[in-house]
């Protein structure tokens, strides 16, 4: 989960197209793309 608000642009974009990529990262070079 993550939090947002009804009036955010990303909320508007997700209502139109629910596809999303998350890039979860640490301070070095490790990451997880979802």
ModelCIF file with pLDDT and N, C-alpha, C, O atoms, coordinates in Angstrom:
data_MODEL
#
_entry.id   MODEL 
#
_entity.id                         1 
_entity.type                       polymer 
_entity.pdbx_number_of_molecules   1 
#
_entity_poly.entity_id                      1 
_entity_poly.type                           'polypeptide(L)' 
_entity_poly.nstd_linkage                   no 
_entity_poly.nstd_monomer                   no 
_entity_poly.pdbx_seq_one_letter_code       
;(UNK)(UNK)(UNK)(UNK)(UNK)(UNK)(UNK)(UNK)(UNK)(UNK)(UNK)(UNK)(UNK)(UNK)(UNK)(UNK)
(UNK)(UNK)(UNK)(UNK)(UNK)(UNK)(UNK)(UNK)(UNK)(UNK)(UNK)(UNK)(UNK)(UNK)(UNK)(UNK)
(UNK)(UNK)
;
_entity_poly.pdbx_seq_one_letter_code_can   XXXXXXXXXXXXXXXXXXXXXXXXXXXXXXXXXX 
_entity_poly.pdbx_strand_id                 A 
#
loop_
_entity_poly_seq.entity_id 
_entity_poly_seq.num 
_entity_poly_seq.mon_id 
_entity_poly_seq.hetero 
1 1  UNK n 
1 2  UNK n 
1 3  UNK n 
1 4  UNK n 
1 5  UNK n 
1 6  UNK n 
1 7  UNK n 
1 8  UNK n 
1 9  UNK n 
1 10 UNK n 
1 11 UNK n 
1 12 UNK n 
1 13 UNK n 
1 14 UNK n 
1 15 UNK n 
1 16 UNK n 
1 17 UNK n 
1 18 UNK n 
1 19 UNK n 
1 20 UNK n 
1 21 UNK n 
1 22 UNK n 
1 23 UNK n 
1 24 UNK n 
1 25 UNK n 
1 26 UNK n 
1 27 UNK n 
1 28 UNK n 
1 29 UNK n 
1 30 UNK n 
1 31 UNK n 
1 32 UNK n 
1 33 UNK n 
1 34 UNK n 
#
_struct_asym.id          A 
_struct_asym.entity_id   1 
#
loop_
_ma_qa_metric.id 
_ma_qa_metric.mode 
_ma_qa_metric.name 
_ma_qa_metric.software_group_id 
_ma_qa_metric.type 
1 global pLDDT . pLDDT 
2 local  pLDDT . pLDDT 
#
_ma_qa_metric_global.metric_id      1 
_ma_qa_metric_global.metric_value   96.53 
_ma_qa_metric_global.model_id       1 
_ma_qa_metric_global.ordinal_id     1 
#
loop_
_ma_qa_metric_local.label_asym_id 
_ma_qa_metric_local.label_comp_id 
_ma_qa_metric_local.label_seq_id 
_ma_qa_metric_local.metric_id 
_ma_qa_metric_local.metric_value 
_ma_qa_metric_local.model_id 
_ma_qa_metric_local.ordinal_id 
A UNK 1  2 98.00 1 1  
A UNK 2  2 98.00 1 2  
A UNK 3  2 98.00 1 3  
A UNK 4  2 98.00 1 4  
A UNK 5  2 98.00 1 5  
A UNK 6  2 96.00 1 6  
A UNK 7  2 97.00 1 7  
A UNK 8  2 96.00 1 8  
A UNK 9  2 97.00 1 9  
A UNK 10 2 97.00 1 10 
A UNK 11 2 98.00 1 11 
A UNK 12 2 97.00 1 12 
A UNK 13 2 98.00 1 13 
A UNK 14 2 98.00 1 14 
A UNK 15 2 98.00 1 15 
A UNK 16 2 97.00 1 16 
A UNK 17 2 97.00 1 17 
A UNK 18 2 98.00 1 18 
A UNK 19 2 97.00 1 19 
A UNK 20 2 98.00 1 20 
A UNK 21 2 98.00 1 21 
A UNK 22 2 98.00 1 22 
A UNK 23 2 98.00 1 23 
A UNK 24 2 98.00 1 24 
A UNK 25 2 96.00 1 25 
A UNK 26 2 93.00 1 26 
A UNK 27 2 88.00 1 27 
A UNK 28 2 89.00 1 28 
A UNK 29 2 91.00 1 29 
A UNK 30 2 94.00 1 30 
A UNK 31 2 97.00 1 31 
A UNK 32 2 97.00 1 32 
A UNK 33 2 98.00 1 33 
A UNK 34 2 98.00 1 34 
#
loop_
_atom_site.group_PDB 
_atom_site.id 
_atom_site.type_symbol 
_atom_site.label_atom_id 
_atom_site.label_alt_id 
_atom_site.label_comp_id 
_atom_site.label_asym_id 
_atom_site.label_entity_id 
_atom_site.label_seq_id 
_atom_site.pdbx_PDB_ins_code 
_atom_site.Cartn_x 
_atom_site.Cartn_y 
_atom_site.Cartn_z 
_atom_site.occupancy 
_atom_site.B_iso_or_equiv 
_atom_site.pdbx_formal_charge 
_atom_site.auth_seq_id 
_atom_site.auth_comp_id 
_atom_site.auth_asym_id 
_atom_site.auth_atom_id 
_atom_site.pdbx_PDB_model_num 
ATOM 1   N N  . UNK A 1 1  ? 0.823  -1.209 0.000   1.00 98.00 ? 1  UNK A N  1 
ATOM 2   C CA . UNK A 1 1  ? 0.000  0.000  0.000   1.00 98.00 ? 1  UNK A CA 1 
ATOM 3   C C  . UNK A 1 1  ? 0.859  1.261  0.000   1.00 98.00 ? 1  UNK A C  1 
ATOM 4   O O  . UNK A 1 1  ? 2.024  1.254  0.396   1.00 98.00 ? 1  UNK A O  1 
ATOM 5   N N  . UNK A 1 2  ? 0.236  2.339  -0.459  1.00 98.00 ? 2  UNK A N  1 
ATOM 6   C CA . UNK A 1 2  ? 0.753  3.693  -0.301  1.00 98.00 ? 2  UNK A CA 1 
ATOM 7   C C  . UNK A 1 2  ? -0.449 4.613  -0.126  1.00 98.00 ? 2  UNK A C  1 
ATOM 8   O O  . UNK A 1 2  ? -1.588 4.209  -0.357  1.00 98.00 ? 2  UNK A O  1 
ATOM 9   N N  . UNK A 1 3  ? -0.191 5.837  0.278   1.00 98.00 ? 3  UNK A N  1 
ATOM 10  C CA . UNK A 1 3  ? -1.264 6.799  0.517   1.00 98.00 ? 3  UNK A CA 1 
ATOM 11  C C  . UNK A 1 3  ? -1.210 7.913  -0.514  1.00 98.00 ? 3  UNK A C  1 
ATOM 12  O O  . UNK A 1 3  ? -0.140 8.281  -0.998  1.00 98.00 ? 3  UNK A O  1 
ATOM 13  N N  . UNK A 1 4  ? -2.364 8.437  -0.838  1.00 98.00 ? 4  UNK A N  1 
ATOM 14  C CA . UNK A 1 4  ? -2.463 9.571  -1.748  1.00 98.00 ? 4  UNK A CA 1 
ATOM 15  C C  . UNK A 1 4  ? -3.712 10.368 -1.407  1.00 98.00 ? 4  UNK A C  1 
ATOM 16  O O  . UNK A 1 4  ? -4.368 10.118 -0.396  1.00 98.00 ? 4  UNK A O  1 
ATOM 17  N N  . UNK A 1 5  ? -4.030 11.319 -2.255  1.00 98.00 ? 5  UNK A N  1 
ATOM 18  C CA . UNK A 1 5  ? -5.251 12.106 -2.067  1.00 98.00 ? 5  UNK A CA 1 
ATOM 19  C C  . UNK A 1 5  ? -6.059 12.091 -3.366  1.00 98.00 ? 5  UNK A C  1 
ATOM 20  O O  . UNK A 1 5  ? -5.535 11.827 -4.448  1.00 98.00 ? 5  UNK A O  1 
ATOM 21  N N  . UNK A 1 6  ? -7.330 12.378 -3.220  1.00 96.00 ? 6  UNK A N  1 
ATOM 22  C CA . UNK A 1 6  ? -8.244 12.339 -4.362  1.00 96.00 ? 6  UNK A CA 1 
ATOM 23  C C  . UNK A 1 6  ? -7.861 13.343 -5.443  1.00 96.00 ? 6  UNK A C  1 
ATOM 24  O O  . UNK A 1 6  ? -8.124 13.109 -6.623  1.00 96.00 ? 6  UNK A O  1 
ATOM 25  N N  . UNK A 1 7  ? -7.238 14.468 -5.052  1.00 97.00 ? 7  UNK A N  1 
ATOM 26  C CA . UNK A 1 7  ? -6.953 15.519 -6.031  1.00 97.00 ? 7  UNK A CA 1 
ATOM 27  C C  . UNK A 1 7  ? -5.544 15.464 -6.627  1.00 97.00 ? 7  UNK A C  1 
ATOM 28  O O  . UNK A 1 7  ? -5.169 16.363 -7.379  1.00 97.00 ? 7  UNK A O  1 
ATOM 29  N N  . UNK A 1 8  ? -4.770 14.455 -6.317  1.00 96.00 ? 8  UNK A N  1 
ATOM 30  C CA . UNK A 1 8  ? -3.416 14.348 -6.875  1.00 96.00 ? 8  UNK A CA 1 
ATOM 31  C C  . UNK A 1 8  ? -3.462 13.947 -8.344  1.00 96.00 ? 8  UNK A C  1 
ATOM 32  O O  . UNK A 1 8  ? -4.345 13.205 -8.776  1.00 96.00 ? 8  UNK A O  1 
ATOM 33  N N  . UNK A 1 9  ? -2.499 14.450 -9.094  1.00 97.00 ? 9  UNK A N  1 
ATOM 34  C CA . UNK A 1 9  ? -2.412 14.103 -10.529 1.00 97.00 ? 9  UNK A CA 1 
ATOM 35  C C  . UNK A 1 9  ? -2.206 12.610 -10.720 1.00 97.00 ? 9  UNK A C  1 
ATOM 36  O O  . UNK A 1 9  ? -2.773 12.022 -11.641 1.00 97.00 ? 9  UNK A O  1 
ATOM 37  N N  . UNK A 1 10 ? -1.398 11.985 -9.862  1.00 97.00 ? 10 UNK A N  1 
ATOM 38  C CA . UNK A 1 10 ? -1.175 10.544 -10.015 1.00 97.00 ? 10 UNK A CA 1 
ATOM 39  C C  . UNK A 1 10 ? -2.459 9.764  -9.804  1.00 97.00 ? 10 UNK A C  1 
ATOM 40  O O  . UNK A 1 10 ? -2.661 8.729  -10.439 1.00 97.00 ? 10 UNK A O  1 
ATOM 41  N N  . UNK A 1 11 ? -3.335 10.242 -8.921  1.00 98.00 ? 11 UNK A N  1 
ATOM 42  C CA . UNK A 1 11 ? -4.636 9.589  -8.727  1.00 98.00 ? 11 UNK A CA 1 
ATOM 43  C C  . UNK A 1 11 ? -5.458 9.700  -10.004 1.00 98.00 ? 11 UNK A C  1 
ATOM 44  O O  . UNK A 1 11 ? -6.087 8.734  -10.435 1.00 98.00 ? 11 UNK A O  1 
ATOM 45  N N  . UNK A 1 12 ? -5.447 10.872 -10.599 1.00 97.00 ? 12 UNK A N  1 
ATOM 46  C CA . UNK A 1 12 ? -6.149 11.081 -11.871 1.00 97.00 ? 12 UNK A CA 1 
ATOM 47  C C  . UNK A 1 12 ? -5.601 10.152 -12.950 1.00 97.00 ? 12 UNK A C  1 
ATOM 48  O O  . UNK A 1 12 ? -6.364 9.531  -13.689 1.00 97.00 ? 12 UNK A O  1 
ATOM 49  N N  . UNK A 1 13 ? -4.269 10.061 -13.035 1.00 98.00 ? 13 UNK A N  1 
ATOM 50  C CA . UNK A 1 13 ? -3.672 9.179  -14.044 1.00 98.00 ? 13 UNK A CA 1 
ATOM 51  C C  . UNK A 1 13 ? -4.025 7.716  -13.785 1.00 98.00 ? 13 UNK A C  1 
ATOM 52  O O  . UNK A 1 13 ? -4.297 6.971  -14.727 1.00 98.00 ? 13 UNK A O  1 
ATOM 53  N N  . UNK A 1 14 ? -4.024 7.294  -12.514 1.00 98.00 ? 14 UNK A N  1 
ATOM 54  C CA . UNK A 1 14 ? -4.348 5.900  -12.188 1.00 98.00 ? 14 UNK A CA 1 
ATOM 55  C C  . UNK A 1 14 ? -5.817 5.575  -12.438 1.00 98.00 ? 14 UNK A C  1 
ATOM 56  O O  . UNK A 1 14 ? -6.148 4.432  -12.755 1.00 98.00 ? 14 UNK A O  1 
ATOM 57  N N  . UNK A 1 15 ? -6.694 6.555  -12.303 1.00 98.00 ? 15 UNK A N  1 
ATOM 58  C CA . UNK A 1 15 ? -8.110 6.319  -12.630 1.00 98.00 ? 15 UNK A CA 1 
ATOM 59  C C  . UNK A 1 15 ? -8.270 6.069  -14.131 1.00 98.00 ? 15 UNK A C  1 
ATOM 60  O O  . UNK A 1 15 ? -9.137 5.303  -14.552 1.00 98.00 ? 15 UNK A O  1 
ATOM 61  N N  . UNK A 1 16 ? -7.433 6.719  -14.926 1.00 97.00 ? 16 UNK A N  1 
ATOM 62  C CA . UNK A 1 16 ? -7.477 6.547  -16.374 1.00 97.00 ? 16 UNK A CA 1 
ATOM 63  C C  . UNK A 1 16 ? -6.768 5.266  -16.820 1.00 97.00 ? 16 UNK A C  1 
ATOM 64  O O  . UNK A 1 16 ? -7.241 4.562  -17.713 1.00 97.00 ? 16 UNK A O  1 
ATOM 65  N N  . UNK A 1 17 ? -5.631 4.975  -16.190 1.00 97.00 ? 17 UNK A N  1 
ATOM 66  C CA . UNK A 1 17 ? -4.826 3.805  -16.545 1.00 97.00 ? 17 UNK A CA 1 
ATOM 67  C C  . UNK A 1 17 ? -4.176 3.286  -15.261 1.00 97.00 ? 17 UNK A C  1 
ATOM 68  O O  . UNK A 1 17 ? -3.250 3.913  -14.747 1.00 97.00 ? 17 UNK A O  1 
ATOM 69  N N  . UNK A 1 18 ? -4.649 2.151  -14.736 1.00 98.00 ? 18 UNK A N  1 
ATOM 70  C CA . UNK A 1 18 ? -4.177 1.684  -13.423 1.00 98.00 ? 18 UNK A CA 1 
ATOM 71  C C  . UNK A 1 18 ? -2.791 1.036  -13.430 1.00 98.00 ? 18 UNK A C  1 
ATOM 72  O O  . UNK A 1 18 ? -2.342 0.555  -12.390 1.00 98.00 ? 18 UNK A O  1 
ATOM 73  N N  . UNK A 1 19 ? -2.113 1.011  -14.557 1.00 97.00 ? 19 UNK A N  1 
ATOM 74  C CA . UNK A 1 19 ? -0.764 0.436  -14.580 1.00 97.00 ? 19 UNK A CA 1 
ATOM 75  C C  . UNK A 1 19 ? 0.233  1.380  -13.911 1.00 97.00 ? 19 UNK A C  1 
ATOM 76  O O  . UNK A 1 19 ? 0.178  2.599  -14.072 1.00 97.00 ? 19 UNK A O  1 
ATOM 77  N N  . UNK A 1 20 ? 1.151  0.766  -13.150 1.00 98.00 ? 20 UNK A N  1 
ATOM 78  C CA . UNK A 1 20 ? 2.125  1.557  -12.407 1.00 98.00 ? 20 UNK A CA 1 
ATOM 79  C C  . UNK A 1 20 ? 3.358  0.710  -12.162 1.00 98.00 ? 20 UNK A C  1 
ATOM 80  O O  . UNK A 1 20 ? 3.252  -0.481 -11.871 1.00 98.00 ? 20 UNK A O  1 
ATOM 81  N N  . UNK A 1 21 ? 4.522  1.319  -12.277 1.00 98.00 ? 21 UNK A N  1 
ATOM 82  C CA . UNK A 1 21 ? 5.764  0.659  -11.901 1.00 98.00 ? 21 UNK A CA 1 
ATOM 83  C C  . UNK A 1 21 ? 6.279  1.318  -10.636 1.00 98.00 ? 21 UNK A C  1 
ATOM 84  O O  . UNK A 1 21 ? 6.308  2.543  -10.522 1.00 98.00 ? 21 UNK A O  1 
ATOM 85  N N  . UNK A 1 22 ? 6.690  0.477  -9.678  1.00 98.00 ? 22 UNK A N  1 
ATOM 86  C CA . UNK A 1 22 ? 7.335  0.960  -8.459  1.00 98.00 ? 22 UNK A CA 1 
ATOM 87  C C  . UNK A 1 22 ? 8.802  0.593  -8.516  1.00 98.00 ? 22 UNK A C  1 
ATOM 88  O O  . UNK A 1 22 ? 9.155  -0.519 -8.907  1.00 98.00 ? 22 UNK A O  1 
ATOM 89  N N  . UNK A 1 23 ? 9.654  1.524  -8.129  1.00 98.00 ? 23 UNK A N  1 
ATOM 90  C CA . UNK A 1 23 ? 11.082 1.290  -8.035  1.00 98.00 ? 23 UNK A CA 1 
ATOM 91  C C  . UNK A 1 23 ? 11.444 1.508  -6.573  1.00 98.00 ? 23 UNK A C  1 
ATOM 92  O O  . UNK A 1 23 ? 11.630 2.644  -6.136  1.00 98.00 ? 23 UNK A O  1 
ATOM 93  N N  . UNK A 1 24 ? 11.545 0.416  -5.815  1.00 98.00 ? 24 UNK A N  1 
ATOM 94  C CA . UNK A 1 24 ? 11.839 0.476  -4.383  1.00 98.00 ? 24 UNK A CA 1 
ATOM 95  C C  . UNK A 1 24 ? 13.346 0.385  -4.231  1.00 98.00 ? 24 UNK A C  1 
ATOM 96  O O  . UNK A 1 24 ? 13.975 -0.495 -4.818  1.00 98.00 ? 24 UNK A O  1 
ATOM 97  N N  . UNK A 1 25 ? 13.941 1.296  -3.440  1.00 96.00 ? 25 UNK A N  1 
ATOM 98  C CA . UNK A 1 25 ? 15.391 1.397  -3.431  1.00 96.00 ? 25 UNK A CA 1 
ATOM 99  C C  . UNK A 1 25 ? 15.949 1.601  -2.031  1.00 96.00 ? 25 UNK A C  1 
ATOM 100 O O  . UNK A 1 25 ? 15.233 1.944  -1.090  1.00 96.00 ? 25 UNK A O  1 
ATOM 101 N N  . UNK A 1 26 ? 17.271 1.374  -1.929  1.00 93.00 ? 26 UNK A N  1 
ATOM 102 C CA . UNK A 1 26 ? 17.986 1.710  -0.705  1.00 93.00 ? 26 UNK A CA 1 
ATOM 103 C C  . UNK A 1 26 ? 19.025 2.772  -1.050  1.00 93.00 ? 26 UNK A C  1 
ATOM 104 O O  . UNK A 1 26 ? 19.055 3.271  -2.176  1.00 93.00 ? 26 UNK A O  1 
ATOM 105 N N  . UNK A 1 27 ? 19.868 3.116  -0.096  1.00 88.00 ? 27 UNK A N  1 
ATOM 106 C CA . UNK A 1 27 ? 20.837 4.199  -0.324  1.00 88.00 ? 27 UNK A CA 1 
ATOM 107 C C  . UNK A 1 27 ? 22.037 3.751  -1.147  1.00 88.00 ? 27 UNK A C  1 
ATOM 108 O O  . UNK A 1 27 ? 22.800 4.592  -1.622  1.00 88.00 ? 27 UNK A O  1 
ATOM 109 N N  . UNK A 1 28 ? 22.219 2.459  -1.324  1.00 89.00 ? 28 UNK A N  1 
ATOM 110 C CA . UNK A 1 28 ? 23.331 1.963  -2.140  1.00 89.00 ? 28 UNK A CA 1 
ATOM 111 C C  . UNK A 1 28 ? 22.804 1.634  -3.536  1.00 89.00 ? 28 UNK A C  1 
ATOM 112 O O  . UNK A 1 28 ? 22.220 2.495  -4.195  1.00 89.00 ? 28 UNK A O  1 
ATOM 113 N N  . UNK A 1 29 ? 23.004 0.414  -3.984  1.00 91.00 ? 29 UNK A N  1 
ATOM 114 C CA . UNK A 1 29 ? 22.622 0.051  -5.344  1.00 91.00 ? 29 UNK A CA 1 
ATOM 115 C C  . UNK A 1 29 ? 21.527 -0.995 -5.422  1.00 91.00 ? 29 UNK A C  1 
ATOM 116 O O  . UNK A 1 29 ? 21.079 -1.329 -6.519  1.00 91.00 ? 29 UNK A O  1 
ATOM 117 N N  . UNK A 1 30 ? 21.082 -1.524 -4.288  1.00 94.00 ? 30 UNK A N  1 
ATOM 118 C CA . UNK A 1 30 ? 20.043 -2.551 -4.309  1.00 94.00 ? 30 UNK A CA 1 
ATOM 119 C C  . UNK A 1 30 ? 18.696 -1.907 -4.644  1.00 94.00 ? 30 UNK A C  1 
ATOM 120 O O  . UNK A 1 30 ? 18.437 -0.752 -4.305  1.00 94.00 ? 30 UNK A O  1 
ATOM 121 N N  . UNK A 1 31 ? 17.856 -2.680 -5.314  1.00 97.00 ? 31 UNK A N  1 
ATOM 122 C CA . UNK A 1 31 ? 16.545 -2.171 -5.706  1.00 97.00 ? 31 UNK A CA 1 
ATOM 123 C C  . UNK A 1 31 ? 15.617 -3.335 -6.002  1.00 97.00 ? 31 UNK A C  1 
ATOM 124 O O  . UNK A 1 31 ? 16.054 -4.468 -6.201  1.00 97.00 ? 31 UNK A O  1 
ATOM 125 N N  . UNK A 1 32 ? 14.327 -3.032 -6.026  1.00 97.00 ? 32 UNK A N  1 
ATOM 126 C CA . UNK A 1 32 ? 13.302 -3.985 -6.439  1.00 97.00 ? 32 UNK A CA 1 
ATOM 127 C C  . UNK A 1 32 ? 12.324 -3.225 -7.320  1.00 97.00 ? 32 UNK A C  1 
ATOM 128 O O  . UNK A 1 32 ? 11.730 -2.235 -6.894  1.00 97.00 ? 32 UNK A O  1 
ATOM 129 N N  . UNK A 1 33 ? 12.161 -3.695 -8.549  1.00 98.00 ? 33 UNK A N  1 
ATOM 130 C CA . UNK A 1 33 ? 11.195 -3.095 -9.464  1.00 98.00 ? 33 UNK A CA 1 
ATOM 131 C C  . UNK A 1 33 ? 9.940  -3.955 -9.468  1.00 98.00 ? 33 UNK A C  1 
ATOM 132 O O  . UNK A 1 33 ? 10.013 -5.178 -9.587  1.00 98.00 ? 33 UNK A O  1 
ATOM 133 N N  . UNK A 1 34 ? 8.790  -3.307 -9.339  1.00 98.00 ? 34 UNK A N  1 
ATOM 134 C CA . UNK A 1 34 ? 7.505  -4.002 -9.307  1.00 98.00 ? 34 UNK A CA 1 
ATOM 135 C C  . UNK A 1 34 ? 6.596  -3.422 -10.381 1.00 98.00 ? 34 UNK A C  1 
ATOM 136 O O  . UNK A 1 34 ? 5.457  -3.865 -10.531 1.00 98.00 ? 34 UNK A O  1 
#
